[in-house]
Each structure stands twice: as structure tokens, then as C-alpha cells.
Amino acid sequence: MSKQVSSSPSNKKISELYRRIKEKSLIPQPEFQRKFVWTKEHKEAFIETILKGLPFPEIYIAQTGIDMEKIMSTEVVVDGQQRLGTIVQYIDEIEGSTAFGKTVKKFKELSTGEKSDFLNYNVVVRDLGDIDSDTIKEIFKRINKTKFSLEQVEIQNAVYDGEFITTAKQILEDLETEDIPIFSDSELTRMADLHFILLCMSTIENQGYFARDSEIENYVIKFNEEYPSSDNIKNSLSETISFIKNLDLDEGSIWFRKSNYFTIVIELYGKSDNLDESLLTKKLNEFEGNILKNKHEQRDTNDYSRYYSYMYTGTNSRQARVTRSELFQSYVLSEIEK
């Protein structure tokens, strides 16, 4: 049995937490925390909770050592980044900001008494003490296992910080958001782009399609300490995505549906140097036209109706991915590869 992590709850005033965040002695978004995902409505409802003096769930923090020169400890927020981030954003809101709507009064519009009440609001903070980063990540994982809204990729990003995930992040850093035009803004805040890159990388490493996300975590774990193919896959995947972006495809093309975009990225991976862009675009448009002409046919009527079915139904099953791949190779790649 492992040693129990001690934790002690206490009350911390918002003013103290705010000051520590600004001083950077309390870090609200360490590497393992998820991106800021609350909508304007979420933030307004949370601020209204404080203004009404109502309680909200406790925040978890942990110490990450002591700076011996400054004689000062630094702590990270293990759980509660959304809440603390919203508080800081509310207090710091500048003129013309649209972070909050008209449901709640802006901080600068509060009376002196209201500001005092807000800053003196007691937040329940559970201090986990001085623990190592692996334990912090394990606690974060277990807390959020019970929170269905936390995507699996966010937990992977929290628990593993090794070479495989780092490579995926570097690929995204080298690309612009519009280079992968298949996600909404809300999906991007939930790391949908990171999940997509991890799925592509795992499929490439697997040398074949698998069902849903079944192999992603296996490769994240396998290549956590060392990832020999990092530079190669980083360069090739970035080149493939950029190549697709430069194709003369209509914005409303079926190739910008998530299922089809995944197919085209995997099937074109490492092949861009041997493909003629104009001819590829022509074949993609022809194939798309035939697919759409047969969209009302039964699945097994012909290859085009089969493809259409598998881009809408059970799109993440292995069968759907393999079928799309085989038909893509047959009707697009077979005639244009040099």
C-alpha cells in the first residue's frame, strides 16, 4: 500500500489567490491542465455564484518545491483552473472586452462594498502538500475520471508529457489553425486538433487502421520516454497537411468532413512529392461527384454508395476506415501515382 497523500482544506480569500496568481507563486494552468474551455454563459454563472455569496466546489493545489534563493514555494492548481482563471479574467477585464455579457455587473462597476465582498469571498482550497509531478498527474487523472466532460485526450495530455505527445504538439505549432479546417472553435478548445494528430500518428505507427481511438494511448505510453521516428513523422505529417491545404478544393468539399479528411491525410502521407496537384484535385472532384450522385442508393449498390455510407455511418469503425481507404486508393490514387 502506497503512502497516503495528505491534504488539508482551508479557506483562502479571492484577494490572496488573485495576488499569488499575479505574482506567479500559484500557477493556474501548468502543462498538464486542459485549455480554457468555459463559455461566456459558464463564466457568467460562476461569477454570479460568487456575487451571491454561494459556495462552489473546492480547489486542489500542490506544492512543487521551494526556491531556496527567494525562500518561496511555488504551487500549481491540480483542479480548479477554470474557476481561478475566470476570477482573474473578471477582475482584470478591460474596457470593451466581451469576455462577459450583461448578465452580471462588471467588476469595475461594483460598488466599493460589493468589490470588498467579492475579494473577501472565501474559497475552499485543499492543499495536497509538497508532492512530485507524477503524483500530481495521477491525482489530476483520478479527479477527472469522474468528470465526463473531460475528454480522453486531455487526460492523456495531463498524464503523459513524453515524446509522442510532444511531437504531436510540435506538429500543431508548425501549422496554422486554418491548415486543418475541420474543427469548430469549441472543438479546438477541447484539444480536438491534438486528438486528430495523435490519431494520425498512431495509425501511421500501427501501419494500418484500427477502430475508434483504441490504439492511441498504447502509442502514447510506448513512446513516452523516447520516440525515434519523431523528426520523420513531424516533417512528413506537416508536409502532407500543407499539401492538402494547397489543393484547389472547394470549402464545402466532402474532403473537409472529419472522416474523409482523416482518410485523405493517411492515404497521402509521405506521397506528396510524387503527386501532381492539379491531377489529384481533378480525381478528388470526380470521385466526390460520383459519391454524391449515389448518396441515395443502398450501401452495396455500388462503390460510390458504399463510400457515402461509410462517411456518415459508423465512420470511426475499422471497417469504415478500411473501406474508405480501399476505395480512395482505387478511384483516386491508382491513376495518378507516378
Protein backbone atom coordinates (compact mmCIF):
# COMPACT_ATOMS: atom_id res chain seq x y z
CA MET A 1 0.00 0.00 0.00
CA SER A 2 1.40 3.40 -1.00
CA LYS A 3 1.83 6.24 1.42
CA GLN A 4 -1.33 8.33 1.69
CA VAL A 5 -1.11 11.84 0.26
CA SER A 6 -2.05 14.26 2.99
CA SER A 7 -4.48 17.02 2.22
CA SER A 8 -5.81 19.79 4.35
CA PRO A 9 -8.72 22.06 3.39
CA SER A 10 -8.60 25.74 4.30
CA ASN A 11 -10.25 28.98 3.27
CA LYS A 12 -8.37 31.39 1.03
CA LYS A 13 -9.75 34.79 0.13
CA ILE A 14 -10.08 35.62 -3.55
CA SER A 15 -7.78 38.60 -2.99
CA GLU A 16 -4.99 36.27 -1.78
CA LEU A 17 -5.42 33.80 -4.63
CA TYR A 18 -5.53 36.64 -7.16
CA ARG A 19 -2.34 38.19 -5.75
CA ARG A 20 -0.49 34.86 -5.81
CA ILE A 21 -1.53 34.16 -9.41
CA LYS A 22 -0.30 37.59 -10.50
CA GLU A 23 2.96 37.02 -8.60
CA LYS A 24 3.25 33.61 -10.29
CA SER A 25 3.64 31.79 -6.99
CA LEU A 26 0.39 29.99 -7.84
CA ILE A 27 0.23 28.60 -11.37
CA PRO A 28 -3.37 28.18 -12.59
CA GLN A 29 -2.50 26.38 -15.84
CA PRO A 30 0.53 24.11 -15.64
CA GLU A 31 1.38 21.93 -18.63
CA PHE A 32 -0.97 19.12 -17.65
CA GLN A 33 -4.06 21.30 -17.24
CA ARG A 34 -6.56 21.50 -20.07
CA LYS A 35 -7.09 24.57 -22.20
CA PHE A 36 -9.62 27.16 -21.10
CA VAL A 37 -12.98 25.76 -22.24
CA TRP A 38 -15.74 27.61 -20.38
CA THR A 39 -18.23 29.51 -22.50
CA LYS A 40 -19.35 33.05 -21.68
CA GLU A 41 -22.50 31.60 -20.08
CA HIS A 42 -20.46 29.30 -17.83
CA LYS A 43 -18.26 32.17 -16.69
CA GLU A 44 -21.17 34.50 -16.01
CA ALA A 45 -22.99 31.86 -13.97
CA PHE A 46 -19.86 31.20 -11.93
CA ILE A 47 -19.25 34.90 -11.18
CA GLU A 48 -22.91 35.26 -10.22
CA THR A 49 -22.41 32.41 -7.73
CA ILE A 50 -19.66 34.41 -6.01
CA LEU A 51 -21.58 37.69 -6.10
CA LYS A 52 -24.50 35.97 -4.38
CA GLY A 53 -22.18 34.54 -1.74
CA LEU A 54 -22.98 30.96 -2.66
CA PRO A 55 -20.38 28.16 -2.34
CA PHE A 56 -18.66 26.33 -5.17
CA PRO A 57 -16.55 23.11 -5.16
CA GLU A 58 -13.11 23.14 -3.56
CA ILE A 59 -9.93 23.76 -5.48
CA TYR A 60 -6.93 21.43 -5.28
CA ILE A 61 -3.39 22.79 -5.19
CA ALA A 62 0.01 21.17 -4.71
CA GLN A 63 3.47 22.46 -3.91
CA THR A 64 6.23 21.86 -6.44
CA GLY A 65 9.26 22.56 -4.30
CA ILE A 66 10.87 25.61 -2.73
CA ASP A 67 13.04 28.28 -4.36
CA MET A 68 15.92 28.36 -1.86
CA GLU A 69 17.19 31.72 -3.11
CA LYS A 70 13.85 33.50 -2.82
CA ILE A 71 12.72 31.35 0.13
CA MET A 72 9.40 30.98 -1.65
CA SER A 73 7.36 27.95 -2.66
CA THR A 74 5.52 27.62 -5.96
CA GLU A 75 2.21 25.82 -6.17
CA VAL A 76 0.16 24.57 -9.09
CA VAL A 77 -3.58 24.19 -9.43
CA VAL A 78 -4.31 20.48 -9.72
CA ASP A 79 -8.03 21.05 -10.20
CA GLY A 80 -9.82 24.40 -10.43
CA GLN A 81 -8.07 26.17 -13.28
CA GLN A 82 -11.39 27.12 -14.90
CA ARG A 83 -12.66 28.80 -11.76
CA LEU A 84 -9.50 30.69 -10.87
CA GLY A 85 -8.96 31.72 -14.49
CA THR A 86 -12.47 33.15 -14.65
CA ILE A 87 -11.94 35.11 -11.41
CA VAL A 88 -8.72 36.67 -12.71
CA GLN A 89 -10.35 37.44 -16.06
CA TYR A 90 -13.31 39.06 -14.32
CA ILE A 91 -11.15 41.32 -12.11
CA ASP A 92 -8.78 42.23 -14.95
CA GLU A 93 -11.47 42.79 -17.58
CA ILE A 94 -10.56 45.77 -19.73
CA GLU A 95 -12.78 48.34 -21.42
CA GLY A 96 -14.56 46.91 -24.45
CA SER A 97 -13.93 43.28 -23.52
CA THR A 98 -16.65 40.79 -24.45
CA ALA A 99 -15.48 38.02 -22.11
CA PHE A 100 -18.60 38.58 -20.01
CA GLY A 101 -22.02 39.71 -21.16
CA LYS A 102 -24.63 41.83 -19.41
CA THR A 103 -25.93 39.13 -17.09
CA VAL A 104 -23.51 40.19 -14.34
CA LYS A 105 -22.12 43.60 -13.47
CA LYS A 106 -18.52 44.18 -14.47
CA PHE A 107 -16.05 44.22 -11.59
CA LYS A 108 -15.21 47.89 -12.12
CA GLU A 109 -18.94 48.70 -11.94
CA LEU A 110 -19.36 47.12 -8.49
CA SER A 111 -19.74 49.41 -5.50
CA THR A 112 -16.88 49.60 -3.01
CA GLY A 113 -18.79 47.29 -0.69
CA GLU A 114 -19.52 44.79 -3.45
CA LYS A 115 -15.87 44.76 -4.50
CA SER A 116 -14.84 44.16 -0.90
CA ASP A 117 -17.31 41.28 -0.55
CA PHE A 118 -16.06 39.76 -3.80
CA LEU A 119 -12.38 39.98 -2.84
CA ASN A 120 -13.07 38.68 0.67
CA TYR A 121 -15.05 35.68 -0.62
CA ASN A 122 -13.61 32.51 0.94
CA VAL A 123 -12.60 29.78 -1.49
CA VAL A 124 -12.18 26.28 -0.09
CA VAL A 125 -8.69 25.14 -1.08
CA ARG A 126 -7.39 21.63 -0.48
CA ASP A 127 -3.61 21.69 -0.17
CA LEU A 128 -2.03 18.38 -1.22
CA GLY A 129 1.36 19.43 0.10
CA ASP A 130 4.79 19.00 -1.49
CA ILE A 131 4.41 16.10 -3.91
CA ASP A 132 6.23 15.06 -7.08
CA SER A 133 4.88 15.74 -10.56
CA ASP A 134 3.94 12.10 -11.22
CA THR A 135 1.72 12.07 -8.13
CA ILE A 136 0.17 15.40 -9.11
CA LYS A 137 -0.71 13.99 -12.53
CA GLU A 138 -2.12 10.80 -11.03
CA ILE A 139 -4.36 12.83 -8.70
CA PHE A 140 -5.48 15.02 -11.62
CA LYS A 141 -6.31 11.91 -13.64
CA ARG A 142 -8.33 10.33 -10.84
CA ILE A 143 -10.24 13.52 -10.02
CA ASN A 144 -11.22 13.96 -13.63
CA LYS A 145 -12.05 10.31 -14.28
CA THR A 146 -15.36 11.17 -12.62
CA LYS A 147 -15.93 14.22 -14.81
CA PHE A 148 -17.46 13.02 -18.05
CA SER A 149 -16.88 16.40 -19.71
CA LEU A 150 -13.11 15.99 -19.67
CA GLU A 151 -12.05 14.50 -23.00
CA GLN A 152 -9.76 11.46 -23.00
CA VAL A 153 -7.10 13.36 -24.94
CA GLU A 154 -6.99 15.95 -22.15
CA ILE A 155 -6.33 13.22 -19.61
CA GLN A 156 -3.60 11.77 -21.85
CA ASN A 157 -2.11 15.24 -22.18
CA ALA A 158 -2.15 15.51 -18.39
CA VAL A 159 -0.78 12.11 -17.50
CA TYR A 160 1.83 11.74 -20.24
CA ASP A 161 4.21 14.52 -21.17
CA GLY A 162 6.65 12.43 -23.17
CA GLU A 163 7.99 12.33 -26.70
CA PHE A 164 4.91 11.09 -28.57
CA ILE A 165 2.57 13.80 -27.30
CA THR A 166 5.33 16.42 -27.53
CA THR A 167 5.81 15.54 -31.20
CA ALA A 168 2.07 15.96 -31.83
CA LYS A 169 2.13 19.37 -30.15
CA GLN A 170 5.13 20.44 -32.22
CA ILE A 171 3.30 19.49 -35.41
CA LEU A 172 0.40 21.73 -34.38
CA GLU A 173 2.80 24.56 -33.51
CA ASP A 174 4.22 24.42 -37.04
CA LEU A 175 0.74 24.70 -38.57
CA GLU A 176 -1.86 27.44 -38.62
CA THR A 177 -5.33 26.74 -37.22
CA GLU A 178 -6.85 27.05 -40.70
CA ASP A 179 -4.46 24.40 -42.05
CA ILE A 180 -6.76 21.73 -40.56
CA PRO A 181 -10.19 23.23 -41.43
CA ILE A 182 -12.39 20.57 -39.86
CA PHE A 183 -12.94 21.78 -36.30
CA SER A 184 -15.22 24.34 -34.69
CA ASP A 185 -13.81 26.80 -32.14
CA SER A 186 -15.37 24.83 -29.30
CA GLU A 187 -13.76 21.62 -30.55
CA LEU A 188 -10.38 23.32 -30.69
CA THR A 189 -10.63 24.39 -27.06
CA ARG A 190 -11.18 20.72 -26.19
CA MET A 191 -7.94 19.72 -27.92
CA ALA A 192 -9.72 18.12 -30.89
CA ASP A 193 -6.78 19.10 -33.09
CA LEU A 194 -4.31 17.37 -30.76
CA HIS A 195 -6.51 14.28 -30.70
CA PHE A 196 -6.60 14.26 -34.50
CA ILE A 197 -2.82 14.48 -34.83
CA LEU A 198 -2.38 11.72 -32.23
CA LEU A 199 -4.87 9.56 -34.17
CA CYS A 200 -2.94 10.13 -37.41
CA MET A 201 0.40 9.39 -35.76
CA SER A 202 -0.95 6.22 -34.11
CA THR A 203 -2.44 4.99 -37.40
CA ILE A 204 0.87 5.56 -39.17
CA GLU A 205 2.82 3.77 -36.44
CA ASN A 206 0.26 0.96 -36.45
CA GLN A 207 0.74 0.61 -40.23
CA GLY A 208 -2.97 0.20 -40.56
CA TYR A 209 -6.36 1.38 -39.41
CA PHE A 210 -7.92 0.46 -36.06
CA ALA A 211 -11.32 1.07 -34.50
CA ARG A 212 -12.04 4.45 -32.97
CA ASP A 213 -9.21 5.56 -30.62
CA SER A 214 -8.27 2.10 -29.38
CA GLU A 215 -4.53 2.33 -30.06
CA ILE A 216 -3.76 5.98 -29.27
CA GLU A 217 -2.96 5.57 -25.59
CA ASN A 218 -0.87 2.47 -26.33
CA TYR A 219 1.43 4.51 -28.57
CA VAL A 220 1.44 7.45 -26.17
CA ILE A 221 2.70 5.08 -23.47
CA LYS A 222 5.07 3.13 -25.75
CA PHE A 223 6.83 6.26 -26.97
CA ASN A 224 6.57 8.33 -23.80
CA GLU A 225 10.28 8.14 -22.96
CA GLU A 226 11.72 8.01 -26.48
CA TYR A 227 10.26 8.39 -29.96
CA PRO A 228 12.85 7.56 -32.64
CA SER A 229 10.52 8.49 -35.53
CA SER A 230 9.73 11.92 -34.13
CA ASP A 231 11.53 14.09 -36.71
CA ASN A 232 10.44 11.98 -39.66
CA ILE A 233 6.76 11.84 -38.76
CA LYS A 234 6.75 15.51 -37.74
CA ASN A 235 8.11 16.61 -41.11
CA SER A 236 6.07 14.20 -43.23
CA LEU A 237 2.74 14.82 -41.48
CA SER A 238 3.21 18.60 -41.60
CA GLU A 239 4.07 18.39 -45.31
CA THR A 240 1.03 16.23 -46.02
CA ILE A 241 -1.37 18.61 -44.25
CA SER A 242 0.16 21.62 -46.03
CA PHE A 243 -0.06 19.78 -49.36
CA ILE A 244 -3.78 19.12 -48.85
CA LYS A 245 -4.34 22.77 -47.92
CA ASN A 246 -2.80 23.85 -51.24
CA LEU A 247 -5.08 21.63 -53.33
CA ASP A 248 -7.76 23.56 -55.21
CA LEU A 249 -10.69 22.09 -53.29
CA ASP A 250 -13.95 23.88 -52.57
CA GLU A 251 -14.51 24.86 -48.92
CA GLY A 252 -17.69 22.79 -48.90
CA SER A 253 -15.99 19.71 -50.30
CA ILE A 254 -16.71 16.35 -48.67
CA TRP A 255 -12.95 16.03 -48.17
CA PHE A 256 -13.26 18.53 -45.33
CA ARG A 257 -15.61 16.27 -43.39
CA LYS A 258 -13.69 14.79 -40.44
CA SER A 259 -13.98 11.18 -41.62
CA ASN A 260 -12.85 11.98 -45.17
CA TYR A 261 -10.14 14.38 -44.07
CA PHE A 262 -8.67 11.64 -41.89
CA THR A 263 -8.73 9.29 -44.89
CA ILE A 264 -7.05 11.75 -47.21
CA VAL A 265 -4.31 12.61 -44.68
CA ILE A 266 -3.43 8.95 -44.06
CA GLU A 267 -3.64 7.94 -47.72
CA LEU A 268 -1.50 10.86 -48.92
CA TYR A 269 1.01 10.63 -46.07
CA GLY A 270 4.55 10.61 -47.42
CA LYS A 271 3.38 10.72 -51.04
CA SER A 272 3.07 14.43 -51.78
CA ASP A 273 6.39 14.63 -53.64
CA ASN A 274 5.15 12.05 -56.15
CA LEU A 275 1.73 13.53 -56.84
CA ASP A 276 0.59 16.10 -59.37
CA GLU A 277 -1.60 18.62 -57.50
CA SER A 278 -3.86 19.52 -60.41
CA LEU A 279 -4.44 15.90 -61.41
CA LEU A 280 -5.09 14.89 -57.80
CA THR A 281 -7.60 17.72 -57.39
CA LYS A 282 -9.34 16.61 -60.59
CA LYS A 283 -9.61 12.99 -59.41
CA LEU A 284 -10.83 14.07 -55.96
CA ASN A 285 -13.55 16.22 -57.51
CA GLU A 286 -14.58 13.42 -59.88
CA PHE A 287 -14.75 10.90 -57.06
CA GLU A 288 -16.72 13.34 -54.90
CA GLY A 289 -19.19 13.99 -57.71
CA ASN A 290 -19.87 10.29 -58.20
CA ILE A 291 -20.20 9.74 -54.44
CA LEU A 292 -22.81 12.49 -54.13
CA LYS A 293 -24.72 11.27 -57.19
CA ASN A 294 -25.15 7.91 -55.48
CA LYS A 295 -25.87 9.12 -51.97
CA HIS A 296 -29.50 7.95 -52.08
CA GLU A 297 -28.60 4.44 -53.24
CA GLN A 298 -28.39 1.47 -50.89
CA ARG A 299 -24.92 0.90 -49.40
CA ASP A 300 -24.00 -2.13 -51.52
CA THR A 301 -25.44 -0.82 -54.78
CA ASN A 302 -22.01 0.31 -55.96
CA ASP A 303 -18.64 1.54 -54.68
CA TYR A 304 -19.76 5.17 -54.56
CA SER A 305 -22.81 4.45 -52.40
CA ARG A 306 -20.59 2.30 -50.16
CA TYR A 307 -18.18 5.17 -49.68
CA TYR A 308 -21.00 7.62 -48.98
CA SER A 309 -22.46 5.29 -46.36
CA TYR A 310 -19.15 4.90 -44.57
CA MET A 311 -18.52 8.63 -44.42
CA TYR A 312 -21.73 9.08 -42.41
CA THR A 313 -22.43 5.80 -40.59
CA GLY A 314 -20.01 4.14 -38.20
CA THR A 315 -17.29 6.39 -39.56
CA ASN A 316 -14.78 5.50 -36.83
CA SER A 317 -15.13 1.74 -37.09
CA ARG A 318 -12.20 -0.16 -38.56
CA GLN A 319 -14.39 -1.46 -41.39
CA ALA A 320 -15.44 2.06 -42.39
CA ARG A 321 -11.86 3.34 -42.33
CA VAL A 322 -10.53 0.39 -44.32
CA THR A 323 -13.35 0.62 -46.89
CA ARG A 324 -12.80 4.35 -47.43
CA SER A 325 -9.08 3.66 -47.80
CA GLU A 326 -9.53 0.91 -50.38
CA LEU A 327 -11.99 2.94 -52.47
CA PHE A 328 -9.82 6.07 -52.23
CA GLN A 329 -6.83 4.12 -53.49
CA SER A 330 -8.87 2.55 -56.28
CA TYR A 331 -10.59 5.67 -57.60
CA VAL A 332 -8.05 8.39 -56.79
CA LEU A 333 -4.50 7.22 -56.18
CA SER A 334 -4.19 4.29 -58.58
CA GLU A 335 -4.34 6.52 -61.65
CA ILE A 336 -2.12 9.39 -60.54
CA GLU A 337 0.83 7.99 -58.61
CA LYS A 338 3.98 8.42 -60.65
